[in-house]
């Protein structure tokens, strides 16, 4: 007689836990959004870079473009919106 009661109790517990899981679904966090800033020819100025860092900007990419008259540095910064 104990075995059927144990099985019924387990079924009740399982059904209750499924109900709780469905009643309180977990939602994914909102994706991070970014804003960007592009600087051309001002990437090697330490004072300017420190000021951007103090404003929360982080260097995302750096590239040098070779031109006939010399080269151009390009920096792309990002920070959370």
N, C-alpha and C. Protein backbone atom coordinates (compact mmCIF):
# COMPACT_ATOMS: atom_id res chain seq x y z
N UNK A 1 0.82 -1.20 0.00
CA UNK A 1 0.00 0.00 0.00
C UNK A 1 0.86 1.26 0.00
N UNK A 2 2.07 1.18 0.55
CA UNK A 2 2.95 2.35 0.59
C UNK A 2 3.44 2.74 -0.79
N UNK A 3 3.67 1.77 -1.65
CA UNK A 3 4.24 2.06 -2.96
C UNK A 3 3.32 2.93 -3.83
N UNK A 4 2.03 2.67 -3.95
CA UNK A 4 1.18 3.56 -4.75
C UNK A 4 1.13 4.98 -4.19
N UNK A 5 1.15 5.13 -2.88
CA UNK A 5 1.14 6.47 -2.29
C UNK A 5 2.44 7.22 -2.60
N UNK A 6 3.55 6.51 -2.60
CA UNK A 6 4.83 7.12 -2.93
C UNK A 6 4.84 7.59 -4.38
N UNK A 7 4.31 6.78 -5.27
CA UNK A 7 4.26 7.13 -6.69
C UNK A 7 3.35 8.34 -6.89
N UNK A 8 2.21 8.36 -6.23
CA UNK A 8 1.29 9.50 -6.34
C UNK A 8 1.95 10.76 -5.80
N UNK A 9 2.65 10.67 -4.68
CA UNK A 9 3.33 11.83 -4.11
C UNK A 9 4.40 12.36 -5.07
N UNK A 10 5.16 11.47 -5.69
CA UNK A 10 6.17 11.90 -6.66
C UNK A 10 5.55 12.58 -7.87
N UNK A 11 4.42 12.06 -8.34
CA UNK A 11 3.74 12.69 -9.48
C UNK A 11 3.24 14.08 -9.12
N UNK A 12 2.73 14.24 -7.91
CA UNK A 12 2.26 15.55 -7.47
C UNK A 12 3.43 16.54 -7.41
N UNK A 13 4.57 16.11 -6.89
CA UNK A 13 5.74 16.97 -6.79
C UNK A 13 6.24 17.36 -8.18
N UNK A 14 6.30 16.40 -9.10
CA UNK A 14 6.75 16.68 -10.46
C UNK A 14 5.80 17.65 -11.17
N UNK A 15 4.51 17.44 -11.05
CA UNK A 15 3.55 18.34 -11.69
C UNK A 15 3.66 19.75 -11.11
N UNK A 16 3.84 19.84 -9.81
CA UNK A 16 3.99 21.15 -9.18
C UNK A 16 5.23 21.87 -9.64
N UNK A 17 6.33 21.15 -9.78
CA UNK A 17 7.57 21.80 -10.23
C UNK A 17 7.47 22.23 -11.69
N UNK A 18 6.82 21.44 -12.54
CA UNK A 18 6.62 21.87 -13.93
C UNK A 18 5.76 23.12 -14.00
N UNK A 19 4.73 23.20 -13.15
CA UNK A 19 3.88 24.38 -13.11
C UNK A 19 4.68 25.61 -12.70
N UNK A 20 5.52 25.48 -11.69
CA UNK A 20 6.32 26.61 -11.23
C UNK A 20 7.31 27.06 -12.30
N UNK A 21 7.91 26.12 -13.02
CA UNK A 21 8.85 26.49 -14.08
C UNK A 21 8.15 27.23 -15.21
N UNK A 22 6.95 26.82 -15.56
CA UNK A 22 6.22 27.48 -16.64
C UNK A 22 5.66 28.82 -16.19
N UNK A 23 5.31 28.96 -14.92
CA UNK A 23 4.72 30.19 -14.42
C UNK A 23 5.74 31.31 -14.27
N UNK A 24 7.01 30.95 -14.14
CA UNK A 24 8.05 31.95 -13.92
C UNK A 24 9.20 31.73 -14.91
N UNK A 25 8.96 32.00 -16.21
CA UNK A 25 10.04 31.73 -17.19
C UNK A 25 11.17 32.74 -17.04
N UNK A 26 12.36 32.29 -17.32
CA UNK A 26 13.53 33.16 -17.28
C UNK A 26 13.66 33.87 -18.61
N UNK A 27 13.84 35.16 -18.55
CA UNK A 27 14.00 35.93 -19.78
C UNK A 27 15.47 36.28 -19.96
N UNK A 28 15.88 36.32 -21.19
CA UNK A 28 17.27 36.66 -21.51
C UNK A 28 17.49 38.16 -21.26
N UNK A 29 18.68 38.53 -20.80
CA UNK A 29 18.94 39.96 -20.59
C UNK A 29 18.97 40.69 -21.93
N UNK A 30 18.67 41.97 -21.88
CA UNK A 30 18.67 42.78 -23.09
C UNK A 30 20.10 42.87 -23.64
N UNK A 31 20.27 42.83 -24.96
CA UNK A 31 21.62 42.91 -25.52
C UNK A 31 22.24 44.29 -25.27
N UNK A 32 23.54 44.29 -25.10
CA UNK A 32 24.28 45.54 -24.87
C UNK A 32 24.29 46.37 -26.15
N UNK A 33 24.00 47.64 -26.04
CA UNK A 33 24.09 48.54 -27.18
C UNK A 33 25.30 49.45 -26.99
N UNK A 34 25.89 49.85 -28.10
CA UNK A 34 27.13 50.63 -28.07
C UNK A 34 26.97 51.90 -28.87
N UNK A 35 27.77 52.89 -28.54
CA UNK A 35 27.93 54.07 -29.39
C UNK A 35 29.40 54.12 -29.80
N UNK A 36 29.66 54.69 -30.96
CA UNK A 36 31.01 54.67 -31.52
C UNK A 36 31.50 56.08 -31.83
N UNK A 37 32.82 56.23 -31.81
CA UNK A 37 33.47 57.49 -32.16
C UNK A 37 34.67 57.14 -33.03
N UNK A 38 34.84 57.84 -34.14
CA UNK A 38 35.96 57.61 -35.05
C UNK A 38 36.85 58.84 -35.05
N UNK A 39 38.14 58.63 -34.81
CA UNK A 39 39.13 59.71 -34.87
C UNK A 39 40.12 59.42 -35.98
N UNK A 40 40.43 60.45 -36.74
CA UNK A 40 41.41 60.33 -37.82
C UNK A 40 42.53 61.31 -37.53
N UNK A 41 43.77 60.83 -37.52
CA UNK A 41 44.98 61.62 -37.30
C UNK A 41 45.14 62.17 -35.89
N UNK A 42 44.37 61.69 -34.92
CA UNK A 42 44.53 62.14 -33.55
C UNK A 42 44.74 60.96 -32.60
N UNK A 43 45.16 59.84 -33.13
CA UNK A 43 45.24 58.62 -32.33
C UNK A 43 46.50 58.53 -31.46
N UNK A 44 47.52 59.28 -31.78
CA UNK A 44 48.78 59.12 -31.04
C UNK A 44 48.98 60.20 -29.98
N UNK A 45 47.96 60.99 -29.69
CA UNK A 45 48.05 62.03 -28.69
C UNK A 45 47.63 61.46 -27.33
N UNK A 46 48.60 61.28 -26.44
CA UNK A 46 48.34 60.64 -25.14
C UNK A 46 47.32 61.42 -24.31
N UNK A 47 47.40 62.73 -24.35
CA UNK A 47 46.46 63.56 -23.59
C UNK A 47 45.03 63.34 -24.09
N UNK A 48 44.86 63.31 -25.40
CA UNK A 48 43.54 63.09 -26.01
C UNK A 48 43.02 61.68 -25.66
N UNK A 49 43.90 60.67 -25.73
CA UNK A 49 43.48 59.30 -25.40
C UNK A 49 43.06 59.17 -23.95
N UNK A 50 43.80 59.82 -23.03
CA UNK A 50 43.44 59.77 -21.62
C UNK A 50 42.10 60.46 -21.37
N UNK A 51 41.84 61.55 -22.07
CA UNK A 51 40.56 62.24 -21.93
C UNK A 51 39.40 61.36 -22.42
N UNK A 52 39.61 60.66 -23.53
CA UNK A 52 38.58 59.75 -24.04
C UNK A 52 38.33 58.60 -23.07
N UNK A 53 39.41 58.07 -22.50
CA UNK A 53 39.26 57.00 -21.51
C UNK A 53 38.49 57.46 -20.29
N UNK A 54 38.73 58.69 -19.85
CA UNK A 54 38.01 59.24 -18.71
C UNK A 54 36.52 59.40 -19.01
N UNK A 55 36.16 59.57 -20.28
CA UNK A 55 34.76 59.68 -20.69
C UNK A 55 34.12 58.31 -20.92
N UNK A 56 34.88 57.24 -20.72
CA UNK A 56 34.32 55.89 -20.87
C UNK A 56 34.54 55.26 -22.23
N UNK A 57 35.30 55.91 -23.12
CA UNK A 57 35.56 55.35 -24.45
C UNK A 57 36.65 54.30 -24.37
N UNK A 58 36.48 53.23 -25.12
CA UNK A 58 37.45 52.13 -25.19
C UNK A 58 37.86 51.95 -26.65
N UNK A 59 39.16 51.79 -26.88
CA UNK A 59 39.66 51.60 -28.24
C UNK A 59 39.21 50.25 -28.78
N UNK A 60 38.49 50.27 -29.90
CA UNK A 60 38.01 49.03 -30.51
C UNK A 60 38.93 48.59 -31.64
N UNK A 61 39.32 49.52 -32.52
CA UNK A 61 40.23 49.18 -33.62
C UNK A 61 41.16 50.36 -33.90
N UNK A 62 42.30 50.01 -34.45
CA UNK A 62 43.29 51.01 -34.87
C UNK A 62 43.82 50.57 -36.23
N UNK A 63 43.92 51.50 -37.15
CA UNK A 63 44.50 51.16 -38.45
C UNK A 63 45.25 52.35 -39.00
N UNK A 64 46.24 52.05 -39.84
CA UNK A 64 47.03 53.08 -40.53
C UNK A 64 46.80 52.90 -42.03
N UNK A 65 46.45 54.00 -42.67
CA UNK A 65 46.20 53.99 -44.10
C UNK A 65 47.34 54.71 -44.80
N UNK A 66 47.99 54.02 -45.71
CA UNK A 66 49.09 54.62 -46.47
C UNK A 66 48.53 55.42 -47.64
N UNK A 67 48.93 56.68 -47.70
CA UNK A 67 48.51 57.55 -48.79
C UNK A 67 49.74 58.08 -49.51
N UNK A 68 49.54 58.66 -50.65
CA UNK A 68 50.68 59.19 -51.40
C UNK A 68 51.35 60.34 -50.65
N UNK A 69 50.59 61.08 -49.85
CA UNK A 69 51.15 62.21 -49.11
C UNK A 69 51.58 61.82 -47.69
N UNK A 70 51.57 60.56 -47.37
CA UNK A 70 51.94 60.11 -46.03
C UNK A 70 50.99 59.01 -45.56
N UNK A 71 50.72 58.98 -44.28
CA UNK A 71 49.79 57.98 -43.76
C UNK A 71 48.78 58.64 -42.82
N UNK A 72 47.67 57.98 -42.65
CA UNK A 72 46.59 58.48 -41.80
C UNK A 72 46.27 57.41 -40.78
N UNK A 73 46.27 57.80 -39.52
CA UNK A 73 45.86 56.88 -38.45
C UNK A 73 44.36 57.02 -38.23
N UNK A 74 43.69 55.90 -38.04
CA UNK A 74 42.26 55.90 -37.75
C UNK A 74 42.01 55.04 -36.52
N UNK A 75 41.31 55.63 -35.55
CA UNK A 75 40.95 54.91 -34.32
C UNK A 75 39.44 54.89 -34.20
N UNK A 76 38.90 53.73 -33.85
CA UNK A 76 37.47 53.60 -33.59
C UNK A 76 37.31 53.24 -32.12
N UNK A 77 36.55 54.05 -31.41
CA UNK A 77 36.29 53.85 -29.98
C UNK A 77 34.84 53.45 -29.80
N UNK A 78 34.56 52.74 -28.71
CA UNK A 78 33.19 52.37 -28.39
C UNK A 78 32.99 52.52 -26.88
N UNK A 79 31.71 52.71 -26.50
CA UNK A 79 31.33 52.71 -25.08
C UNK A 79 29.86 52.32 -24.99
N UNK A 80 29.47 51.76 -23.87
CA UNK A 80 28.06 51.36 -23.72
C UNK A 80 27.14 52.57 -23.76
N UNK A 81 25.99 52.40 -24.37
CA UNK A 81 25.00 53.48 -24.42
C UNK A 81 24.28 53.56 -23.10
